[in-house]
Amino acid sequence: MITGGTDGMGRALAQIFLERGDQVVIVGRDERKGRDFLDAATGIGVRERATFIAADLSLVGENQRLVERIATDFPAVDALVLCARHYRATRLETGEGREHGFALFYLSRFVLSHGLLGNLEKAESPVVVNFCGPGADFGEIRWDDLELARDYHGNTAMVQGGKLNDLLGVAFAAHHPGARTRYVLYGPGMVSTSFSGEYDAESAAHVAYAKANGRSVADGIAPAVALVDSPPAEPLSAFNADTPVSLAGRSFDRSDAMRLHALTSELLRR
């Protein structure tokens, strides 16, 4: 199952898994892109193994609906690959009143990771691969303003989202100590991909540079494919491309992870 599977690295991953014979569920907001993906799925049995589910993952309710559908239609999930992300140069609140980046880049991954654990545990070698750029040594978490109501900037939202996902991985492993599911935080590095988003002039210049100078999508996703095929032995691990990231740094502080998990659980109860 791949979120953000109709574009960029998510789409490329879906194509690889389909071509080699896997059953793949792709999740995306744009139904037209979903239809285009299915129309392009050619080869013996490929179309029958591809499923597109339309869902706006910036909405908690949509994530919960998705968890329920997967539980019904696909009881065992071998791999959950979390790629959905969208850059916004200006702050936007969802219909549920949440800041869009916080909801899509963090809350969605929290709900799907924990909500689909039962499905994952039914697989032979289950893994969650969270595309987030782990272990960044810059930026901070605004604990008193997680949804960036003050002084919003698109880069600030992305950096904080990455740090929240680092803590999500730590808390996931801590809350499910007996689980067979491995949680992997994965950063592909600078890749010449689609860069879903709405950019101002400054951020658009950075995107143009990355598209011109980044690695190919194929190179960016190759380590992730290997992690799906052979998950690490540890409950939690982190990689930037194929280089392991130490979990000893501040980004993976257990007390911060427990604090965030408690705050998120309370938010979702409300």
Protein backbone atom coordinates (compact mmCIF):
# COMPACT_ATOMS: atom_id res chain seq x y z
CA MET A 1 0.00 0.00 0.00
CA ILE A 2 1.49 3.32 -1.12
CA THR A 3 0.20 6.76 -0.21
CA GLY A 4 1.02 9.47 -2.70
CA GLY A 5 1.13 6.65 -5.22
CA THR A 6 -0.11 8.56 -8.28
CA ASP A 7 2.88 10.87 -8.62
CA GLY A 8 6.65 11.09 -8.28
CA MET A 9 8.48 8.51 -6.21
CA GLY A 10 5.25 6.93 -4.96
CA ARG A 11 4.11 6.22 -8.49
CA ALA A 12 7.51 4.85 -9.47
CA LEU A 13 7.45 2.50 -6.48
CA ALA A 14 3.96 1.30 -7.39
CA GLN A 15 5.07 0.58 -10.95
CA ILE A 16 8.08 -1.44 -9.78
CA PHE A 17 6.02 -3.60 -7.41
CA LEU A 18 3.31 -4.17 -10.01
CA GLU A 19 5.79 -5.12 -12.72
CA ARG A 20 7.35 -7.76 -10.54
CA GLY A 21 4.00 -9.37 -9.71
CA ASP A 22 2.81 -7.80 -6.44
CA GLN A 23 -0.68 -6.65 -5.62
CA VAL A 24 -0.53 -2.89 -5.05
CA VAL A 25 -2.96 -0.41 -3.53
CA ILE A 26 -2.19 3.20 -4.36
CA VAL A 27 -3.82 6.07 -2.52
CA GLY A 28 -4.13 9.62 -3.83
CA ARG A 29 -6.38 12.64 -3.75
CA ASP A 30 -6.70 13.17 -7.52
CA GLU A 31 -9.09 10.68 -9.13
CA ARG A 32 -7.93 11.66 -12.61
CA LYS A 33 -4.33 10.75 -11.76
CA GLY A 34 -5.60 7.51 -10.30
CA ARG A 35 -7.43 6.64 -13.51
CA ASP A 36 -4.38 7.58 -15.56
CA PHE A 37 -2.21 5.30 -13.45
CA LEU A 38 -4.60 2.37 -13.86
CA ASP A 39 -4.90 3.00 -17.62
CA ALA A 40 -1.12 2.92 -17.90
CA ALA A 41 -0.83 -0.36 -15.96
CA THR A 42 -0.13 -2.80 -18.78
CA GLY A 43 1.11 -6.35 -18.90
CA ILE A 44 -0.26 -9.78 -18.06
CA GLY A 45 -2.39 -9.52 -14.95
CA VAL A 46 -1.01 -6.08 -13.99
CA ARG A 47 -4.30 -4.20 -14.23
CA GLU A 48 -6.01 -6.82 -12.05
CA ARG A 49 -3.36 -6.40 -9.34
CA ALA A 50 -3.62 -2.60 -9.14
CA THR A 51 -6.17 -0.84 -6.96
CA PHE A 52 -6.60 2.92 -6.67
CA ILE A 53 -8.35 4.45 -3.66
CA ALA A 54 -9.19 8.14 -3.77
CA ALA A 55 -8.71 9.84 -0.40
CA ASP A 56 -7.79 13.29 0.84
CA LEU A 57 -5.25 12.29 3.46
CA SER A 58 -5.15 15.78 4.96
CA LEU A 59 -8.47 14.84 6.60
CA VAL A 60 -8.37 12.57 9.64
CA GLY A 61 -11.79 11.21 8.75
CA GLU A 62 -10.53 10.12 5.34
CA ASN A 63 -7.59 8.31 6.92
CA GLN A 64 -9.93 6.51 9.29
CA ARG A 65 -12.19 5.55 6.39
CA LEU A 66 -9.15 4.25 4.53
CA VAL A 67 -8.08 2.11 7.51
CA GLU A 68 -11.57 0.59 7.66
CA ARG A 69 -11.61 -0.17 3.94
CA ILE A 70 -8.17 -1.77 3.96
CA ALA A 71 -9.14 -3.87 6.98
CA THR A 72 -12.10 -5.19 5.00
CA ASP A 73 -10.66 -5.57 1.51
CA PHE A 74 -6.99 -6.38 2.20
CA PRO A 75 -6.66 -8.14 5.56
CA ALA A 76 -2.88 -8.66 5.21
CA VAL A 77 -0.59 -5.77 4.26
CA ASP A 78 3.05 -6.66 3.58
CA ALA A 79 4.28 -3.08 3.33
CA LEU A 80 2.88 0.35 4.06
CA VAL A 81 4.84 3.02 2.19
CA LEU A 82 4.06 6.60 3.24
CA CYS A 83 4.96 9.09 0.50
CA ALA A 84 2.10 11.62 0.47
CA ARG A 85 3.32 15.17 1.04
CA HIS A 86 2.43 18.59 -0.38
CA TYR A 87 4.34 21.85 0.03
CA ARG A 88 2.37 25.01 0.76
CA ALA A 89 4.03 28.40 0.68
CA THR A 90 1.04 29.88 2.53
CA ARG A 91 -0.75 28.42 5.51
CA LEU A 92 -4.02 26.58 4.84
CA GLU A 93 -6.46 24.94 7.23
CA THR A 94 -8.33 21.80 6.22
CA GLY A 95 -12.07 21.40 6.49
CA GLU A 96 -11.45 19.84 9.89
CA GLY A 97 -9.61 22.94 11.12
CA ARG A 98 -6.10 21.47 11.03
CA GLU A 99 -3.04 23.04 9.41
CA HIS A 100 -2.71 21.24 6.07
CA GLY A 101 0.94 20.22 6.26
CA PHE A 102 0.67 19.00 9.85
CA ALA A 103 -2.41 16.97 8.91
CA LEU A 104 -1.05 15.45 5.69
CA PHE A 105 2.61 14.98 6.56
CA TYR A 106 2.18 13.88 10.18
CA LEU A 107 -1.38 13.12 11.35
CA SER A 108 -2.13 10.93 8.31
CA ARG A 109 1.01 8.89 8.90
CA PHE A 110 0.19 8.52 12.58
CA VAL A 111 -3.35 7.26 11.88
CA LEU A 112 -2.30 4.88 9.10
CA SER A 113 0.77 3.51 10.91
CA HIS A 114 -1.10 2.62 14.08
CA GLY A 115 -4.44 1.90 12.41
CA LEU A 116 -3.07 -0.67 9.96
CA LEU A 117 -0.83 -2.51 12.42
CA GLY A 118 -3.30 -5.38 12.65
CA ASN A 119 -3.18 -5.86 8.88
CA LEU A 120 0.60 -5.61 8.83
CA GLU A 121 1.02 -8.19 11.57
CA LYS A 122 -0.75 -10.76 9.38
CA ALA A 123 2.00 -10.54 6.77
CA GLU A 124 5.15 -12.66 6.71
CA SER A 125 7.71 -9.84 6.99
CA PRO A 126 5.79 -6.59 7.50
CA VAL A 127 7.31 -3.13 7.25
CA VAL A 128 6.33 0.54 7.29
CA VAL A 129 8.57 2.77 5.18
CA ASN A 130 8.01 6.44 6.03
CA PHE A 131 9.52 8.89 3.50
CA CYS A 132 10.48 11.79 5.76
CA GLY A 133 14.20 12.67 5.73
CA PRO A 134 15.20 11.45 9.21
CA GLY A 135 17.69 12.88 11.67
CA ALA A 136 17.90 16.46 10.39
CA ASP A 137 20.27 18.49 12.56
CA PHE A 138 18.55 21.81 11.86
CA GLY A 139 15.16 23.28 12.72
CA GLU A 140 13.05 22.63 15.78
CA ILE A 141 9.62 21.51 16.95
CA ARG A 142 7.37 24.31 18.08
CA TRP A 143 5.76 22.48 20.96
CA ASP A 144 3.50 25.42 21.82
CA ASP A 145 2.44 25.89 18.17
CA LEU A 146 2.54 22.53 16.39
CA GLU A 147 0.22 23.75 13.65
CA LEU A 148 2.24 26.91 13.02
CA ALA A 149 -0.49 29.46 13.59
CA ARG A 150 2.26 32.07 14.09
CA ASP A 151 5.01 32.96 11.62
CA TYR A 152 4.18 30.23 9.14
CA HIS A 153 6.68 29.35 6.41
CA GLY A 154 6.47 26.39 4.06
CA ASN A 155 10.05 25.30 4.80
CA THR A 156 9.40 25.51 8.55
CA ALA A 157 6.35 23.26 8.09
CA MET A 158 8.34 20.69 6.11
CA VAL A 159 11.28 20.60 8.53
CA GLN A 160 9.01 20.29 11.55
CA GLY A 161 6.98 17.60 9.79
CA GLY A 162 10.12 15.56 9.28
CA LYS A 163 11.01 15.85 12.96
CA LEU A 164 7.50 14.85 14.01
CA ASN A 165 7.80 11.72 11.86
CA ASP A 166 11.12 10.84 13.50
CA LEU A 167 9.30 10.89 16.84
CA LEU A 168 6.36 8.97 15.36
CA GLY A 169 8.75 6.14 14.52
CA VAL A 170 10.21 6.12 18.03
CA ALA A 171 6.78 6.10 19.67
CA PHE A 172 5.45 3.43 17.28
CA ALA A 173 8.24 1.04 18.24
CA ALA A 174 7.79 1.85 21.94
CA HIS A 175 4.02 1.33 21.93
CA HIS A 176 4.17 -1.98 20.03
CA PRO A 177 7.17 -3.75 21.61
CA GLY A 178 6.06 -7.23 20.62
CA ALA A 179 5.13 -6.41 17.04
CA ARG A 180 6.86 -8.08 14.10
CA THR A 181 6.28 -4.96 11.98
CA ARG A 182 9.47 -3.00 11.35
CA TYR A 183 9.32 0.78 11.13
CA VAL A 184 11.77 2.47 8.77
CA LEU A 185 12.30 6.22 8.46
CA TYR A 186 13.65 6.87 4.97
CA GLY A 187 15.12 9.96 3.35
CA PRO A 188 15.77 9.70 -0.41
CA GLY A 189 17.98 12.81 -0.49
CA MET A 190 17.75 15.34 -3.32
CA VAL A 191 15.80 13.64 -6.09
CA SER A 192 14.54 15.09 -9.36
CA THR A 193 10.89 14.24 -8.71
CA SER A 194 7.55 16.00 -9.14
CA PHE A 195 7.60 18.08 -5.91
CA SER A 196 3.87 18.28 -5.31
CA GLY A 197 3.06 21.70 -3.92
CA GLU A 198 2.18 25.35 -4.27
CA TYR A 199 5.34 27.45 -4.23
CA ASP A 200 6.36 31.08 -3.94
CA ALA A 201 9.26 32.44 -6.00
CA GLU A 202 11.91 31.54 -3.42
CA SER A 203 10.80 27.96 -2.89
CA ALA A 204 10.16 27.48 -6.61
CA ALA A 205 13.82 28.33 -7.27
CA HIS A 206 14.90 25.59 -4.83
CA VAL A 207 12.60 23.11 -6.59
CA ALA A 208 14.02 24.05 -9.99
CA TYR A 209 17.54 23.48 -8.67
CA ALA A 210 16.60 20.08 -7.24
CA LYS A 211 14.95 19.02 -10.49
CA ALA A 212 18.03 20.03 -12.44
CA ASN A 213 20.62 18.56 -10.09
CA GLY A 214 18.92 15.81 -8.09
CA ARG A 215 19.35 12.09 -8.51
CA SER A 216 16.92 10.22 -10.71
CA VAL A 217 13.70 8.91 -9.22
CA ALA A 218 14.93 5.38 -9.92
CA ASP A 219 18.05 5.99 -7.84
CA GLY A 220 16.03 7.69 -5.10
CA ILE A 221 13.66 4.79 -4.58
CA ALA A 222 16.07 1.87 -5.05
CA PRO A 223 17.07 1.71 -1.34
CA ALA A 224 13.39 1.88 -0.34
CA VAL A 225 12.59 -1.10 -2.55
CA ALA A 226 15.38 -3.02 -0.84
CA LEU A 227 13.99 -2.09 2.59
CA VAL A 228 10.56 -3.40 1.62
CA ASP A 229 12.07 -6.64 0.33
CA SER A 230 14.36 -7.17 3.33
CA PRO A 231 13.24 -5.12 6.35
CA PRO A 232 15.92 -4.43 8.98
CA ALA A 233 15.96 -6.66 12.05
CA GLU A 234 15.53 -3.72 14.45
CA PRO A 235 12.01 -2.50 15.36
CA LEU A 236 13.01 1.03 14.29
CA SER A 237 15.69 2.11 11.85
CA ALA A 238 16.48 5.19 9.78
CA PHE A 239 18.28 5.73 6.49
CA ASN A 240 19.25 8.61 4.25
CA ALA A 241 19.46 6.88 0.88
CA ASP A 242 21.38 3.68 1.72
CA THR A 243 23.28 5.20 4.65
CA PRO A 244 22.06 4.27 8.15
CA VAL A 245 21.17 7.15 10.48
CA SER A 246 22.08 6.83 14.17
CA LEU A 247 19.08 6.82 16.49
CA ALA A 248 21.18 8.26 19.31
CA GLY A 249 20.61 11.89 18.26
CA ARG A 250 18.19 14.44 19.65
CA SER A 251 15.81 13.82 16.75
CA PHE A 252 14.90 10.45 18.28
CA ASP A 253 14.50 11.45 21.94
CA ARG A 254 12.16 8.97 23.62
CA SER A 255 10.65 11.46 26.06
CA ASP A 256 9.83 13.83 23.19
CA ALA A 257 8.30 10.92 21.28
CA MET A 258 6.08 9.95 24.20
CA ARG A 259 5.07 13.59 24.65
CA LEU A 260 4.10 13.91 21.00
CA HIS A 261 2.23 10.60 21.02
CA ALA A 262 0.16 11.74 24.00
CA LEU A 263 -0.59 15.14 22.41
CA THR A 264 -1.58 13.49 19.12
CA SER A 265 -3.81 10.91 20.80
CA GLU A 266 -5.62 13.66 22.69
CA LEU A 267 -6.03 15.72 19.53
CA LEU A 268 -7.53 12.76 17.70
CA ARG A 269 -9.91 12.02 20.59
CA ARG A 270 -11.20 15.58 20.32
